[in-house]
């Protein structure tokens, strides 16, 4: 009984809609600025990283689009997997070897699975859609 009476005695008046949404807006702005802190995002190192990788992926896209008889999307995809940020610390060699291993296994296994299914047999046509 004492706890309930203490809560009721300390009860605040309800917030108006303007106060309520103002508090939510202020909290949301605080959350956004804490996650996307411009002083961290807009450092020279991170801008150079973004520009360098945008150029690399775009060049891979252009090569895949125009240097082959049919458009190939695996080149920019592979580039985006193999990109590693310079500001990550520790275990870069191990991480990069895992990325290369994943790319090689993914490309080889996908071709090994596709090869028997590309035949002109009715069961193979049904499996590829």
N, C-alpha and C. Protein backbone atom coordinates (compact mmCIF):
# COMPACT_ATOMS: atom_id res chain seq x y z
N UNK A 1 0.83 -1.18 0.00
CA UNK A 1 0.00 0.00 0.00
C UNK A 1 0.87 1.25 0.00
N UNK A 2 1.97 1.27 0.71
CA UNK A 2 2.83 2.44 0.79
C UNK A 2 3.47 2.77 -0.56
N UNK A 3 3.85 1.72 -1.30
CA UNK A 3 4.49 1.91 -2.61
C UNK A 3 3.53 2.56 -3.60
N UNK A 4 2.31 2.08 -3.65
CA UNK A 4 1.32 2.62 -4.57
C UNK A 4 1.02 4.07 -4.23
N UNK A 5 0.85 4.37 -2.96
CA UNK A 5 0.58 5.75 -2.56
C UNK A 5 1.75 6.66 -2.91
N UNK A 6 2.97 6.15 -2.77
CA UNK A 6 4.14 6.96 -3.12
C UNK A 6 4.17 7.24 -4.62
N UNK A 7 3.81 6.23 -5.42
CA UNK A 7 3.77 6.44 -6.88
C UNK A 7 2.71 7.45 -7.27
N UNK A 8 1.55 7.34 -6.66
CA UNK A 8 0.47 8.27 -6.98
C UNK A 8 0.79 9.68 -6.51
N UNK A 9 1.51 9.79 -5.42
CA UNK A 9 1.87 11.11 -4.91
C UNK A 9 2.88 11.79 -5.84
N UNK A 10 3.74 10.98 -6.46
CA UNK A 10 4.75 11.53 -7.35
C UNK A 10 4.28 11.57 -8.81
N UNK A 11 3.03 11.23 -9.06
CA UNK A 11 2.53 11.19 -10.44
C UNK A 11 2.68 12.55 -11.09
N UNK A 12 3.15 12.52 -12.32
CA UNK A 12 3.33 13.76 -13.05
C UNK A 12 2.11 14.01 -13.92
N UNK A 13 1.96 15.24 -14.29
CA UNK A 13 0.88 15.55 -15.21
C UNK A 13 1.25 15.00 -16.59
N UNK A 14 0.28 14.54 -17.34
CA UNK A 14 0.58 13.98 -18.66
C UNK A 14 1.16 15.06 -19.58
N UNK A 15 2.03 14.62 -20.47
CA UNK A 15 2.64 15.53 -21.44
C UNK A 15 1.64 15.88 -22.54
N UNK A 16 1.76 17.08 -23.04
CA UNK A 16 0.95 17.44 -24.20
C UNK A 16 1.57 16.76 -25.43
N UNK A 17 0.81 16.75 -26.50
CA UNK A 17 1.30 16.10 -27.73
C UNK A 17 2.58 16.79 -28.21
N UNK A 18 2.63 18.10 -28.10
CA UNK A 18 3.82 18.82 -28.54
C UNK A 18 5.04 18.45 -27.70
N UNK A 19 4.87 18.35 -26.38
CA UNK A 19 5.97 17.96 -25.51
C UNK A 19 6.40 16.52 -25.78
N UNK A 20 5.41 15.63 -25.98
CA UNK A 20 5.69 14.20 -26.21
C UNK A 20 6.51 14.02 -27.49
N UNK A 21 6.01 14.58 -28.61
CA UNK A 21 6.71 14.41 -29.88
C UNK A 21 8.02 15.18 -29.90
N UNK A 22 8.09 16.29 -29.18
CA UNK A 22 9.35 17.02 -29.08
C UNK A 22 10.42 16.20 -28.40
N UNK A 23 10.02 15.47 -27.34
CA UNK A 23 10.98 14.60 -26.64
C UNK A 23 11.43 13.46 -27.55
N UNK A 24 10.49 12.87 -28.28
CA UNK A 24 10.84 11.78 -29.19
C UNK A 24 11.76 12.30 -30.28
N UNK A 25 11.46 13.47 -30.84
CA UNK A 25 12.28 14.05 -31.89
C UNK A 25 13.70 14.31 -31.38
N UNK A 26 13.82 14.88 -30.20
CA UNK A 26 15.14 15.18 -29.64
C UNK A 26 15.92 13.88 -29.39
N UNK A 27 15.23 12.85 -28.88
CA UNK A 27 15.89 11.57 -28.65
C UNK A 27 16.33 10.95 -29.96
N UNK A 28 15.47 11.03 -30.99
CA UNK A 28 15.82 10.48 -32.30
C UNK A 28 17.03 11.18 -32.90
N UNK A 29 17.09 12.49 -32.78
CA UNK A 29 18.24 13.24 -33.29
C UNK A 29 19.50 12.83 -32.55
N UNK A 30 19.39 12.64 -31.23
CA UNK A 30 20.56 12.21 -30.45
C UNK A 30 21.05 10.84 -30.90
N UNK A 31 20.12 9.93 -31.17
CA UNK A 31 20.49 8.59 -31.60
C UNK A 31 21.17 8.65 -32.97
N UNK A 32 20.59 9.38 -33.88
CA UNK A 32 21.16 9.47 -35.24
C UNK A 32 22.55 10.09 -35.20
N UNK A 33 22.71 11.17 -34.46
CA UNK A 33 24.03 11.81 -34.42
C UNK A 33 25.05 10.97 -33.67
N UNK A 34 24.61 10.11 -32.76
CA UNK A 34 25.58 9.25 -32.09
C UNK A 34 26.01 8.09 -32.98
N UNK A 35 25.10 7.60 -33.86
CA UNK A 35 25.45 6.50 -34.76
C UNK A 35 26.24 7.02 -35.95
N UNK A 36 25.77 8.09 -36.56
CA UNK A 36 26.44 8.67 -37.72
C UNK A 36 27.09 9.98 -37.32
N UNK A 37 28.18 9.87 -36.61
CA UNK A 37 28.89 11.04 -36.13
C UNK A 37 29.71 11.64 -37.27
N UNK A 38 29.37 12.85 -37.73
CA UNK A 38 30.10 13.43 -38.86
C UNK A 38 31.60 13.57 -38.62
N UNK A 39 32.00 13.78 -37.37
CA UNK A 39 33.44 13.94 -37.12
C UNK A 39 34.19 12.63 -37.36
N UNK A 40 33.50 11.50 -37.29
CA UNK A 40 34.11 10.20 -37.57
C UNK A 40 33.95 9.83 -39.04
N UNK A 41 32.75 10.03 -39.57
CA UNK A 41 32.45 9.61 -40.94
C UNK A 41 33.22 10.43 -41.96
N UNK A 42 33.36 11.71 -41.73
CA UNK A 42 33.94 12.59 -42.72
C UNK A 42 35.44 12.80 -42.55
N UNK A 43 36.12 11.85 -41.94
CA UNK A 43 37.58 11.96 -41.85
C UNK A 43 38.17 11.75 -43.24
N UNK A 44 39.34 12.27 -43.45
CA UNK A 44 40.00 12.17 -44.76
C UNK A 44 40.23 10.71 -45.15
N UNK A 45 40.64 9.90 -44.19
CA UNK A 45 40.91 8.48 -44.47
C UNK A 45 39.66 7.76 -44.96
N UNK A 46 38.54 8.00 -44.33
CA UNK A 46 37.30 7.32 -44.73
C UNK A 46 36.77 7.86 -46.07
N UNK A 47 36.94 9.14 -46.32
CA UNK A 47 36.52 9.68 -47.62
C UNK A 47 37.36 9.08 -48.75
N UNK A 48 38.67 8.99 -48.55
CA UNK A 48 39.54 8.39 -49.56
C UNK A 48 39.18 6.93 -49.78
N UNK A 49 38.87 6.22 -48.70
CA UNK A 49 38.45 4.82 -48.80
C UNK A 49 37.18 4.69 -49.63
N UNK A 50 36.21 5.56 -49.39
CA UNK A 50 34.94 5.50 -50.12
C UNK A 50 35.15 5.84 -51.60
N UNK A 51 35.93 6.85 -51.89
CA UNK A 51 36.18 7.23 -53.28
C UNK A 51 36.94 6.13 -54.01
N UNK A 52 38.00 5.61 -53.38
CA UNK A 52 38.81 4.56 -53.99
C UNK A 52 37.99 3.32 -54.31
N UNK A 53 37.14 2.91 -53.40
CA UNK A 53 36.34 1.71 -53.61
C UNK A 53 35.19 1.94 -54.58
N UNK A 54 34.64 3.14 -54.61
CA UNK A 54 33.61 3.46 -55.61
C UNK A 54 34.20 3.38 -57.01
N UNK A 55 35.41 3.89 -57.17
CA UNK A 55 36.08 3.81 -58.47
C UNK A 55 36.37 2.36 -58.83
N UNK A 56 36.84 1.55 -57.87
CA UNK A 56 37.17 0.15 -58.15
C UNK A 56 35.92 -0.65 -58.56
N UNK A 57 34.83 -0.48 -57.83
CA UNK A 57 33.61 -1.22 -58.15
C UNK A 57 33.02 -0.74 -59.48
N UNK A 58 33.07 0.56 -59.73
CA UNK A 58 32.56 1.10 -61.00
C UNK A 58 33.39 0.60 -62.18
N UNK A 59 34.70 0.56 -62.02
CA UNK A 59 35.58 0.04 -63.07
C UNK A 59 35.29 -1.45 -63.31
N UNK A 60 35.09 -2.21 -62.24
CA UNK A 60 34.72 -3.62 -62.39
C UNK A 60 33.39 -3.78 -63.11
N UNK A 61 32.45 -2.91 -62.82
CA UNK A 61 31.16 -2.95 -63.52
C UNK A 61 31.34 -2.67 -65.00
N UNK A 62 32.12 -1.65 -65.34
CA UNK A 62 32.35 -1.30 -66.75
C UNK A 62 33.06 -2.44 -67.47
N UNK A 63 34.07 -3.04 -66.84
CA UNK A 63 34.77 -4.17 -67.45
C UNK A 63 33.81 -5.34 -67.66
N UNK A 64 33.02 -5.65 -66.66
CA UNK A 64 32.07 -6.75 -66.78
C UNK A 64 30.98 -6.47 -67.81
N UNK A 65 30.64 -5.23 -68.00
CA UNK A 65 29.57 -4.87 -68.93
C UNK A 65 30.03 -4.84 -70.38
N UNK A 66 31.25 -4.33 -70.61
CA UNK A 66 31.67 -4.08 -71.98
C UNK A 66 32.84 -4.94 -72.47
N UNK A 67 33.58 -5.59 -71.59
CA UNK A 67 34.75 -6.35 -72.03
C UNK A 67 34.43 -7.80 -72.33
N UNK A 68 33.25 -8.25 -72.04
CA UNK A 68 32.84 -9.63 -72.29
C UNK A 68 31.69 -9.63 -73.29
N UNK A 69 31.51 -10.76 -74.01
CA UNK A 69 30.40 -10.83 -74.96
C UNK A 69 29.04 -10.68 -74.28
N UNK A 70 28.91 -11.25 -73.10
CA UNK A 70 27.67 -11.12 -72.34
C UNK A 70 28.01 -10.39 -71.02
N UNK A 71 27.10 -9.58 -70.50
CA UNK A 71 27.39 -8.87 -69.24
C UNK A 71 27.69 -9.84 -68.10
N UNK A 72 28.72 -9.52 -67.33
CA UNK A 72 29.15 -10.35 -66.21
C UNK A 72 29.07 -9.51 -64.95
N UNK A 73 28.26 -9.96 -64.00
CA UNK A 73 28.10 -9.19 -62.76
C UNK A 73 29.01 -9.68 -61.65
N UNK A 74 29.74 -10.75 -61.88
CA UNK A 74 30.56 -11.29 -60.80
C UNK A 74 31.80 -10.44 -60.53
N UNK A 75 32.25 -9.65 -61.47
CA UNK A 75 33.47 -8.85 -61.27
C UNK A 75 33.26 -7.79 -60.18
N UNK A 76 32.25 -6.91 -60.30
CA UNK A 76 32.08 -5.94 -59.21
C UNK A 76 31.67 -6.61 -57.89
N UNK A 77 30.96 -7.72 -57.98
CA UNK A 77 30.60 -8.45 -56.76
C UNK A 77 31.83 -8.98 -56.04
N UNK A 78 32.76 -9.53 -56.81
CA UNK A 78 34.00 -10.04 -56.22
C UNK A 78 34.83 -8.90 -55.65
N UNK A 79 34.89 -7.79 -56.34
CA UNK A 79 35.64 -6.64 -55.85
C UNK A 79 35.06 -6.17 -54.52
N UNK A 80 33.74 -6.11 -54.43
CA UNK A 80 33.12 -5.61 -53.19
C UNK A 80 33.36 -6.56 -52.02
N UNK A 81 33.49 -7.85 -52.30
CA UNK A 81 33.79 -8.80 -51.22
C UNK A 81 35.22 -8.68 -50.76
N UNK A 82 36.14 -8.46 -51.70
CA UNK A 82 37.56 -8.44 -51.36
C UNK A 82 38.04 -7.11 -50.79
N UNK A 83 37.22 -6.08 -50.86
CA UNK A 83 37.62 -4.78 -50.31
C UNK A 83 37.69 -4.89 -48.79
N UNK A 84 38.79 -4.42 -48.23
CA UNK A 84 38.89 -4.38 -46.77
C UNK A 84 39.29 -2.98 -46.35
N UNK A 85 38.58 -2.45 -45.37
CA UNK A 85 38.88 -1.08 -44.95
C UNK A 85 40.23 -0.99 -44.26
N UNK A 86 40.99 0.06 -44.52
CA UNK A 86 42.32 0.19 -43.91
C UNK A 86 42.27 0.52 -42.43
N UNK A 87 41.12 0.98 -41.93
CA UNK A 87 41.02 1.36 -40.53
C UNK A 87 40.60 0.20 -39.63
N UNK A 88 40.46 -1.01 -40.20
CA UNK A 88 40.20 -2.19 -39.37
C UNK A 88 41.53 -2.71 -38.86
N UNK A 89 41.56 -3.11 -37.62
CA UNK A 89 42.83 -3.55 -37.04
C UNK A 89 42.76 -5.02 -36.67
N UNK A 90 43.91 -5.66 -36.73
CA UNK A 90 44.05 -7.03 -36.27
C UNK A 90 43.55 -8.08 -37.22
N UNK A 91 44.38 -9.07 -37.50
CA UNK A 91 43.97 -10.23 -38.26
C UNK A 91 43.63 -9.98 -39.72
N UNK A 92 44.26 -9.00 -40.35
CA UNK A 92 43.93 -8.68 -41.74
C UNK A 92 44.30 -9.81 -42.69
N UNK A 93 45.46 -10.43 -42.50
CA UNK A 93 45.88 -11.51 -43.39
C UNK A 93 44.90 -12.67 -43.33
N UNK A 94 44.55 -13.06 -42.13
CA UNK A 94 43.60 -14.18 -41.97
C UNK A 94 42.24 -13.83 -42.57
N UNK A 95 41.78 -12.62 -42.34
CA UNK A 95 40.49 -12.17 -42.87
C UNK A 95 40.51 -12.13 -44.40
N UNK A 96 41.59 -11.62 -44.97
CA UNK A 96 41.69 -11.53 -46.43
C UNK A 96 41.78 -12.92 -47.06
N UNK A 97 42.51 -13.84 -46.43
CA UNK A 97 42.58 -15.21 -46.96
C UNK A 97 41.21 -15.88 -46.92
N UNK A 98 40.44 -15.62 -45.89
CA UNK A 98 39.08 -16.17 -45.83
C UNK A 98 38.20 -15.59 -46.93
N UNK A 99 38.35 -14.31 -47.20
CA UNK A 99 37.57 -13.69 -48.28
C UNK A 99 37.93 -14.31 -49.63
N UNK A 100 39.22 -14.46 -49.90
CA UNK A 100 39.65 -15.06 -51.17
C UNK A 100 39.16 -16.50 -51.25
N UNK A 101 39.26 -17.23 -50.16
CA UNK A 101 38.78 -18.61 -50.14
C UNK A 101 37.28 -18.67 -50.42
N UNK A 102 36.52 -17.78 -49.84
CA UNK A 102 35.08 -17.75 -50.08
C UNK A 102 34.74 -17.43 -51.52
N UNK A 103 35.48 -16.50 -52.13
CA UNK A 103 35.22 -16.14 -53.52
C UNK A 103 35.54 -17.32 -54.43
N UNK A 104 36.70 -17.97 -54.21
CA UNK A 104 37.10 -19.09 -55.06
C UNK A 104 36.12 -20.25 -54.91
N UNK A 105 35.81 -20.62 -53.68
CA UNK A 105 34.88 -21.74 -53.47
C UNK A 105 33.51 -21.41 -54.04
N UNK A 106 33.05 -20.20 -53.85
CA UNK A 106 31.75 -19.82 -54.39
C UNK A 106 31.69 -19.88 -55.90
N UNK A 107 32.73 -19.39 -56.56
CA UNK A 107 32.75 -19.42 -58.02
C UNK A 107 32.89 -20.84 -58.55
N UNK A 108 33.77 -21.63 -57.96
CA UNK A 108 34.00 -23.00 -58.44
C UNK A 108 32.78 -23.87 -58.18
N UNK A 109 32.25 -23.83 -56.97
CA UNK A 109 31.08 -24.68 -56.67
C UNK A 109 29.86 -24.30 -57.49
N UNK A 110 29.67 -23.02 -57.72
CA UNK A 110 28.50 -22.63 -58.52
C UNK A 110 28.63 -23.16 -59.95
N UNK A 111 29.84 -23.15 -60.51
CA UNK A 111 30.04 -23.70 -61.85
C UNK A 111 29.90 -25.22 -61.85
N UNK A 112 30.38 -25.87 -60.79
CA UNK A 112 30.28 -27.34 -60.72
C UNK A 112 28.82 -27.79 -60.59
N UNK A 113 28.02 -27.02 -59.91
CA UNK A 113 26.60 -27.36 -59.78
C UNK A 113 25.86 -27.04 -61.08
N UNK A 114 26.25 -25.94 -61.73
CA UNK A 114 25.56 -25.53 -62.95
C UNK A 114 25.84 -26.45 -64.13
N UNK A 115 27.07 -26.95 -64.24
CA UNK A 115 27.48 -27.72 -65.43
C UNK A 115 26.57 -28.93 -65.70
N UNK A 116 26.29 -29.80 -64.75
CA UNK A 116 25.42 -30.93 -65.09
C UNK A 116 23.96 -30.51 -65.33
N UNK A 117 23.57 -29.36 -64.80
CA UNK A 117 22.18 -28.93 -64.93
C UNK A 117 21.91 -28.15 -66.22
N UNK A 118 22.94 -27.79 -66.95
CA UNK A 118 22.72 -27.01 -68.16
C UNK A 118 22.45 -27.87 -69.39
N UNK A 119 22.42 -29.19 -69.21
CA UNK A 119 22.15 -30.09 -70.33
C UNK A 119 20.74 -29.85 -70.86
N UNK A 120 20.49 -30.36 -72.05
CA UNK A 120 19.19 -30.16 -72.68
C UNK A 120 18.20 -31.27 -72.34
N UNK A 121 18.48 -31.97 -71.29
CA UNK A 121 17.56 -33.02 -70.85
C UNK A 121 16.36 -32.37 -70.17
N UNK A 122 15.19 -33.01 -70.26
CA UNK A 122 14.01 -32.40 -69.63
C UNK A 122 14.17 -32.19 -68.12
N UNK A 123 14.81 -33.12 -67.41
CA UNK A 123 14.97 -32.96 -65.97
C UNK A 123 15.88 -31.77 -65.65
N UNK A 124 16.88 -31.50 -66.50
CA UNK A 124 17.79 -30.40 -66.27
C UNK A 124 17.10 -29.06 -66.56
N UNK A 125 16.30 -29.03 -67.61
CA UNK A 125 15.58 -27.80 -67.92
C UNK A 125 14.63 -27.41 -66.79
N UNK A 126 13.99 -28.40 -66.21
CA UNK A 126 13.07 -28.15 -65.09
C UNK A 126 13.79 -27.67 -63.85
N UNK A 127 15.04 -28.10 -63.65
CA UNK A 127 15.78 -27.71 -62.46
C UNK A 127 16.29 -26.28 -62.53
N UNK A 128 16.47 -25.76 -63.74
CA UNK A 128 16.96 -24.38 -63.89
C UNK A 128 15.85 -23.36 -64.08
N UNK A 129 14.62 -23.83 -64.23
CA UNK A 129 13.50 -22.90 -64.31
C UNK A 129 13.09 -22.53 -65.67
